[in-house]
Amino acid sequence: MATADAGPLSRTAKEYPRALTAVLTVVGYALVIGTLYVGLPIYPTISLETVNLLSHAIAVINTTTVVLLLSGWKFIRDGDVRKHRTAMVGAFTLILVFLVLYLLKTGGGGQKEIVAPDGPTIAYLAMLAIHILLSVLAVPLVLYNIVVGLTHTTREMRETAHARVGRWAVAVWSISLTLGVAAYVLLNHVYTFEFVRLLVRVPAPF
């Protein structure tokens, strides 16, 4: 992943990727926390039907993202930088779409709580907890690698932590998304749920 240097913003990102990653990470966390726990009044109220539609769309997006991540990992192992870059930029673009839909679904709608026997409920909550934890950990890893990838040439990236961080980013992000999709299947297609308008609590991912 690499682009030519262009303009002061690009130069700043290239010279200070860790600082930019930190800023973007804080902004992202603040937006999500503000939506879930503060109740930012920026979302239109949406119906359960729309919440369900967004849940299905998010599951498709996250599944496609996993495919792109694993494809990008294989491409770079094969030495195909161009395909690697395309796959990873595609994955990052999809996760931005996911973020918009997730915030709209949660901020404008609410959450769905699983209704199932104790065993499946415990398994669901465990997957959900790991999914959320890994999602939090993945944010700075993904942001660092996309910043470096878009501001450095292939040769320059060899002098950065791009490859090392990238391996962790793909692993953490892929596991997180896979667990999220598994939780979606349990919640929406295996068992049933109770719909609750947004409360000050950690919501389900779908």
Protein backbone atom coordinates (compact mmCIF):
# COMPACT_ATOMS: atom_id res chain seq x y z
CA MET A 1 0.00 0.00 0.00
CA ALA A 2 1.50 3.30 -0.99
CA THR A 3 0.68 6.66 -2.48
CA ALA A 4 2.72 9.60 -3.52
CA ASP A 5 3.20 12.41 -1.03
CA ALA A 6 0.74 15.19 -1.78
CA GLY A 7 0.19 18.37 0.21
CA PRO A 8 0.83 19.41 3.81
CA LEU A 9 -1.85 17.12 5.26
CA SER A 10 -0.34 14.08 3.58
CA ARG A 11 3.15 15.09 4.71
CA THR A 12 1.97 15.50 8.29
CA ALA A 13 0.30 12.08 8.22
CA LYS A 14 3.46 10.56 6.77
CA GLU A 15 5.75 12.14 9.36
CA TYR A 16 3.51 11.52 12.38
CA PRO A 17 1.46 8.36 11.72
CA ARG A 18 1.30 7.40 15.40
CA ALA A 19 0.04 10.84 16.44
CA LEU A 20 -2.61 10.85 13.71
CA THR A 21 -3.61 7.32 14.68
CA ALA A 22 -4.05 8.43 18.28
CA VAL A 23 -6.21 11.40 17.28
CA LEU A 24 -8.41 9.34 14.95
CA THR A 25 -8.73 6.61 17.57
CA VAL A 26 -9.91 9.08 20.22
CA VAL A 27 -12.40 10.63 17.78
CA GLY A 28 -13.77 7.21 16.89
CA TYR A 29 -14.09 6.12 20.50
CA ALA A 30 -15.74 9.42 21.42
CA LEU A 31 -18.32 9.07 18.65
CA VAL A 32 -19.25 5.53 19.67
CA ILE A 33 -19.28 6.27 23.42
CA GLY A 34 -21.25 9.45 22.83
CA THR A 35 -23.85 7.49 20.88
CA LEU A 36 -24.14 4.62 23.34
CA TYR A 37 -23.83 6.38 26.67
CA VAL A 38 -24.55 10.07 26.17
CA GLY A 39 -27.35 9.83 23.64
CA LEU A 40 -26.13 12.24 20.98
CA PRO A 41 -29.26 13.86 19.47
CA ILE A 42 -28.05 13.47 15.90
CA TYR A 43 -29.87 10.35 14.77
CA PRO A 44 -33.39 10.06 13.36
CA THR A 45 -35.68 7.64 15.18
CA ILE A 46 -35.95 4.40 13.21
CA SER A 47 -38.35 1.45 13.48
CA LEU A 48 -37.59 -2.15 14.41
CA GLU A 49 -37.99 -3.07 10.75
CA THR A 50 -35.24 -0.64 9.82
CA VAL A 51 -33.09 -1.91 12.69
CA ASN A 52 -33.47 -5.44 11.33
CA LEU A 53 -32.63 -4.30 7.80
CA LEU A 54 -29.49 -2.56 9.05
CA SER A 55 -28.55 -5.66 11.07
CA HIS A 56 -28.67 -7.81 7.95
CA ALA A 57 -26.69 -5.23 5.96
CA ILE A 58 -24.04 -5.02 8.69
CA ALA A 59 -23.67 -8.81 8.73
CA VAL A 60 -23.09 -8.84 4.96
CA ILE A 61 -20.60 -5.96 5.23
CA ASN A 62 -18.65 -7.63 8.03
CA THR A 63 -18.55 -10.97 6.25
CA THR A 64 -17.27 -9.29 3.09
CA THR A 65 -14.69 -7.40 5.16
CA VAL A 66 -13.30 -10.65 6.56
CA VAL A 67 -12.98 -12.04 3.03
CA LEU A 68 -11.11 -8.91 1.93
CA LEU A 69 -8.82 -9.00 4.97
CA LEU A 70 -7.83 -12.61 4.43
CA SER A 71 -7.45 -12.02 0.70
CA GLY A 72 -5.23 -9.01 1.37
CA TRP A 73 -3.10 -11.06 3.75
CA LYS A 74 -2.67 -13.76 1.09
CA PHE A 75 -1.88 -11.21 -1.64
CA ILE A 76 0.96 -9.66 0.33
CA ARG A 77 2.37 -13.10 1.17
CA ASP A 78 2.37 -13.77 -2.57
CA GLY A 79 4.16 -10.45 -3.16
CA ASP A 80 1.25 -8.79 -4.97
CA VAL A 81 1.32 -5.30 -3.42
CA ARG A 82 -1.28 -3.84 -5.78
CA LYS A 83 -3.95 -6.44 -4.96
CA HIS A 84 -3.03 -6.25 -1.27
CA ARG A 85 -3.56 -2.50 -1.27
CA THR A 86 -6.90 -2.81 -3.09
CA ALA A 87 -8.18 -5.44 -0.68
CA MET A 88 -7.13 -3.54 2.45
CA VAL A 89 -8.49 -0.19 1.27
CA GLY A 90 -11.72 -2.01 0.39
CA ALA A 91 -11.89 -3.55 3.86
CA PHE A 92 -11.29 -0.18 5.51
CA THR A 93 -13.94 1.47 3.34
CA LEU A 94 -16.46 -1.20 4.30
CA ILE A 95 -15.72 -0.77 7.99
CA LEU A 96 -16.46 2.95 7.66
CA VAL A 97 -19.81 2.05 6.08
CA PHE A 98 -20.36 -0.39 8.93
CA LEU A 99 -19.67 2.35 11.49
CA VAL A 100 -22.24 4.68 9.93
CA LEU A 101 -24.91 1.96 9.80
CA TYR A 102 -24.11 0.72 13.31
CA LEU A 103 -24.36 4.17 14.86
CA LEU A 104 -27.60 4.87 12.99
CA LYS A 105 -29.05 1.51 14.03
CA THR A 106 -28.10 1.93 17.67
CA GLY A 107 -28.44 5.68 18.10
CA GLY A 108 -31.70 5.92 16.17
CA GLY A 109 -33.14 2.55 17.09
CA GLY A 110 -31.84 0.52 20.00
CA GLN A 111 -30.54 -2.92 20.83
CA LYS A 112 -31.81 -6.46 20.55
CA GLU A 113 -31.37 -8.74 23.56
CA ILE A 114 -31.24 -12.48 22.94
CA VAL A 115 -34.05 -14.67 24.24
CA ALA A 116 -32.67 -18.21 24.52
CA PRO A 117 -31.89 -20.97 27.03
CA ASP A 118 -29.09 -20.35 29.52
CA GLY A 119 -26.40 -22.26 27.62
CA PRO A 120 -26.77 -20.48 24.27
CA THR A 121 -27.23 -17.16 26.06
CA ILE A 122 -23.93 -17.57 27.91
CA ALA A 123 -22.19 -18.57 24.67
CA TYR A 124 -23.70 -15.56 22.89
CA LEU A 125 -22.66 -13.12 25.62
CA ALA A 126 -19.14 -14.59 25.69
CA MET A 127 -18.78 -14.16 21.92
CA LEU A 128 -20.19 -10.67 22.19
CA ALA A 129 -17.77 -9.68 24.96
CA ILE A 130 -14.74 -10.96 23.02
CA HIS A 131 -16.04 -9.28 19.86
CA ILE A 132 -16.33 -5.92 21.61
CA LEU A 133 -12.92 -6.21 23.30
CA LEU A 134 -11.17 -7.13 20.04
CA SER A 135 -13.01 -4.36 18.20
CA VAL A 136 -11.64 -1.82 20.67
CA LEU A 137 -8.12 -3.23 20.30
CA ALA A 138 -8.34 -3.35 16.50
CA VAL A 139 -9.10 0.34 16.01
CA PRO A 140 -5.59 1.80 16.55
CA LEU A 141 -3.94 -1.13 14.75
CA VAL A 142 -6.11 -0.70 11.67
CA LEU A 143 -5.84 3.09 11.67
CA TYR A 144 -2.05 3.01 11.98
CA ASN A 145 -1.69 0.62 9.09
CA ILE A 146 -4.08 2.47 6.79
CA VAL A 147 -2.33 5.79 7.53
CA VAL A 148 1.11 4.32 6.84
CA GLY A 149 -0.12 2.39 3.83
CA LEU A 150 -1.63 5.44 2.18
CA THR A 151 1.28 7.80 2.85
CA HIS A 152 4.38 5.67 2.28
CA THR A 153 5.88 3.97 -0.73
CA THR A 154 6.48 0.23 -0.63
CA ARG A 155 10.17 0.80 0.02
CA GLU A 156 9.48 3.34 2.79
CA MET A 157 7.09 0.97 4.53
CA ARG A 158 9.92 -1.47 5.11
CA GLU A 159 11.31 1.07 7.59
CA THR A 160 8.03 1.21 9.55
CA ALA A 161 6.06 -1.23 11.72
CA HIS A 162 3.50 -1.67 8.93
CA ALA A 163 4.09 -5.38 8.32
CA ARG A 164 4.30 -6.31 12.01
CA VAL A 165 1.25 -4.28 13.01
CA GLY A 166 -0.59 -5.50 9.93
CA ARG A 167 -0.32 -9.13 10.99
CA TRP A 168 -1.87 -8.30 14.35
CA ALA A 169 -4.49 -6.04 12.78
CA VAL A 170 -5.69 -8.74 10.37
CA ALA A 171 -5.83 -11.38 13.11
CA VAL A 172 -7.60 -9.24 15.71
CA TRP A 173 -9.98 -7.61 13.23
CA SER A 174 -10.90 -10.87 11.47
CA ILE A 175 -11.64 -12.71 14.72
CA SER A 176 -13.69 -9.78 16.01
CA LEU A 177 -15.79 -9.56 12.86
CA THR A 178 -16.27 -13.33 12.67
CA LEU A 179 -17.52 -13.46 16.26
CA GLY A 180 -19.81 -10.53 15.53
CA VAL A 181 -21.36 -12.34 12.58
CA ALA A 182 -21.74 -15.53 14.66
CA ALA A 183 -23.55 -13.49 17.33
CA TYR A 184 -25.77 -12.00 14.62
CA VAL A 185 -26.75 -15.49 13.42
CA LEU A 186 -27.63 -16.65 16.94
CA LEU A 187 -29.61 -13.51 17.69
CA ASN A 188 -31.49 -13.17 14.41
CA HIS A 189 -31.76 -16.64 12.87
CA VAL A 190 -31.34 -19.30 15.56
CA TYR A 191 -33.10 -17.78 18.57
CA THR A 192 -35.34 -14.77 19.06
CA PHE A 193 -34.82 -11.40 20.68
CA GLU A 194 -36.40 -8.58 22.65
CA PHE A 195 -36.05 -5.11 21.17
CA VAL A 196 -35.08 -2.37 23.60
CA ARG A 197 -34.71 1.32 22.77
CA LEU A 198 -31.24 2.70 23.42
CA LEU A 199 -30.22 2.44 27.06
CA VAL A 200 -27.00 3.36 28.88
CA ARG A 201 -25.45 -0.09 28.50
CA VAL A 202 -23.30 -2.05 26.08
CA PRO A 203 -25.54 -3.04 23.15
CA ALA A 204 -25.48 -6.02 20.84
CA PRO A 205 -23.45 -5.57 17.63
CA PHE A 206 -26.42 -6.33 15.35
